Structures are given as structure tokens and as C-alpha cells.
Protein backbone atom coordinates (compact mmCIF):
# COMPACT_ATOMS: atom_id res chain seq x y z
CA MET A 1 -29.59 -30.75 -0.02
CA VAL A 2 -28.98 -34.21 -1.43
CA LEU A 3 -31.44 -35.74 -3.88
CA THR A 4 -31.04 -39.10 -5.58
CA PHE A 5 -32.91 -40.02 -8.75
CA GLU A 6 -32.76 -42.77 -11.32
CA ALA A 7 -32.69 -41.77 -14.99
CA LYS A 8 -33.02 -43.71 -18.21
CA VAL A 9 -30.59 -43.79 -21.13
CA GLY A 10 -32.50 -43.55 -24.40
CA LYS A 11 -31.72 -43.72 -28.10
CA LYS A 12 -28.34 -42.30 -29.07
CA TYR A 13 -27.47 -42.35 -25.34
CA ALA A 14 -29.79 -39.44 -24.50
CA LEU A 15 -30.28 -39.01 -20.76
CA TYR A 16 -33.83 -38.34 -19.68
CA LEU A 17 -33.74 -36.35 -16.47
CA PRO A 18 -36.48 -36.80 -13.91
CA ARG A 19 -38.70 -33.77 -13.27
CA GLY A 20 -37.24 -33.43 -9.75
CA VAL A 21 -33.73 -32.98 -11.16
CA VAL A 22 -34.94 -30.45 -13.72
CA ARG A 23 -36.69 -28.42 -11.02
CA ALA A 24 -33.81 -28.66 -8.55
CA LEU A 25 -31.34 -27.36 -11.14
CA GLY A 26 -33.74 -24.82 -12.64
CA LEU A 27 -33.26 -26.25 -16.13
CA LYS A 28 -35.18 -25.10 -19.18
CA GLU A 29 -35.53 -26.94 -22.48
CA GLY A 30 -32.56 -25.98 -24.65
CA GLY A 31 -30.54 -24.91 -21.61
CA LYS A 32 -26.98 -26.07 -21.06
CA VAL A 33 -25.48 -28.34 -18.44
CA LEU A 34 -21.94 -29.29 -17.54
CA LEU A 35 -21.29 -33.02 -17.24
CA ARG A 36 -18.36 -34.12 -15.11
CA VAL A 37 -17.18 -37.75 -15.14
CA VAL A 38 -15.03 -39.08 -12.30
CA GLY A 39 -14.49 -42.82 -12.48
CA ARG A 40 -17.97 -44.27 -12.98
CA THR A 41 -19.76 -41.23 -11.52
CA VAL A 42 -21.38 -38.46 -13.57
CA THR A 43 -22.42 -35.15 -12.06
CA VAL A 44 -24.73 -32.70 -13.83
CA GLN A 45 -24.35 -28.98 -13.16
CA SER A 46 -26.57 -26.27 -14.61
CA VAL A 47 -24.78 -23.60 -16.64
CA GLU A 48 -26.06 -20.04 -16.41
CA ASP A 49 -26.77 -18.21 -19.66
CA PRO A 50 -24.17 -15.38 -19.62
CA ILE A 51 -26.55 -12.86 -21.21
CA LYS A 52 -29.32 -13.61 -18.72
CA LEU A 53 -26.80 -13.50 -15.89
CA ALA A 54 -25.51 -10.10 -17.05
CA LEU A 55 -29.01 -8.66 -17.30
CA GLU A 56 -30.63 -10.26 -14.26
CA GLY A 57 -27.77 -11.32 -11.99
CA SER A 58 -26.51 -9.47 -8.95
CA LYS A 59 -24.14 -6.63 -9.72
CA PHE A 60 -20.77 -6.51 -8.01
CA ALA A 61 -19.05 -3.62 -9.80
CA SER A 62 -20.01 -0.30 -11.25
CA VAL A 63 -18.48 2.25 -13.57
CA ASN A 64 -19.64 5.66 -14.68
CA PRO A 65 -18.95 7.56 -17.92
CA GLU A 66 -16.60 10.00 -16.19
CA LYS A 67 -14.37 7.17 -14.98
CA VAL A 68 -14.33 5.59 -18.46
CA GLU A 69 -13.34 8.95 -19.99
CA ARG A 70 -10.58 9.53 -17.41
CA ILE A 71 -9.06 6.10 -18.00
CA SER A 72 -9.32 6.56 -21.77
CA LEU A 73 -7.46 9.87 -21.58
CA GLU A 74 -4.76 8.35 -19.39
CA HIS A 75 -4.19 5.55 -21.91
CA GLN A 76 -4.14 8.00 -24.83
CA GLN A 77 -1.54 10.18 -23.07
CA PHE A 78 0.54 7.12 -22.25
CA ALA A 79 0.41 5.97 -25.90
CA ALA A 80 1.20 9.49 -27.19
CA LYS A 81 4.47 9.44 -25.22
CA GLY A 82 5.53 6.41 -27.25
CA ASN A 83 4.78 3.86 -24.56
CA HIS A 84 2.86 0.80 -25.62
């Protein structure tokens, strides 16, 4: 999808994004964006909130308490032998 919009530069160089851009990127007031400048071109990329992503994003790994305990014991035994 390619959308083209015109935006206005305001006081203190604030960029006022058109509603279509805000909706397309899923931006919220106070949210963060990444600005990338290449030559005379600026791209705007939405940045996901890491906490929201952790709570609501798709999960790609899992761990259970037994596995955590096993790994902890292995590291403790390794350290007890004088290995660091």
C-alpha cells in the first residue's frame, strides 16, 4: 500500500500529520515514531510500545518453571566447580 499526503510544518518545526497517516500507522497521541532521513526524504515509522507488545503481541517462545529450575541448577553446579 502506498499513500501520499502533504503535511504542514508548524511552530518549532512541529510536523502535523494528516489523519490518514495517523490511521495508517496506528498512531496514538503521545506514541513514538522513528524518523529516517535519506537525502531530502523523511520516512516516518511507528514504534511499538515494548510493554504493550509483550502483553498483547504474538508469542514465539515459551518456558515453564521446571525448565527455569533445571537451567538454574546447571549454572549453580557449573559455578560451584569454580568455572565462571
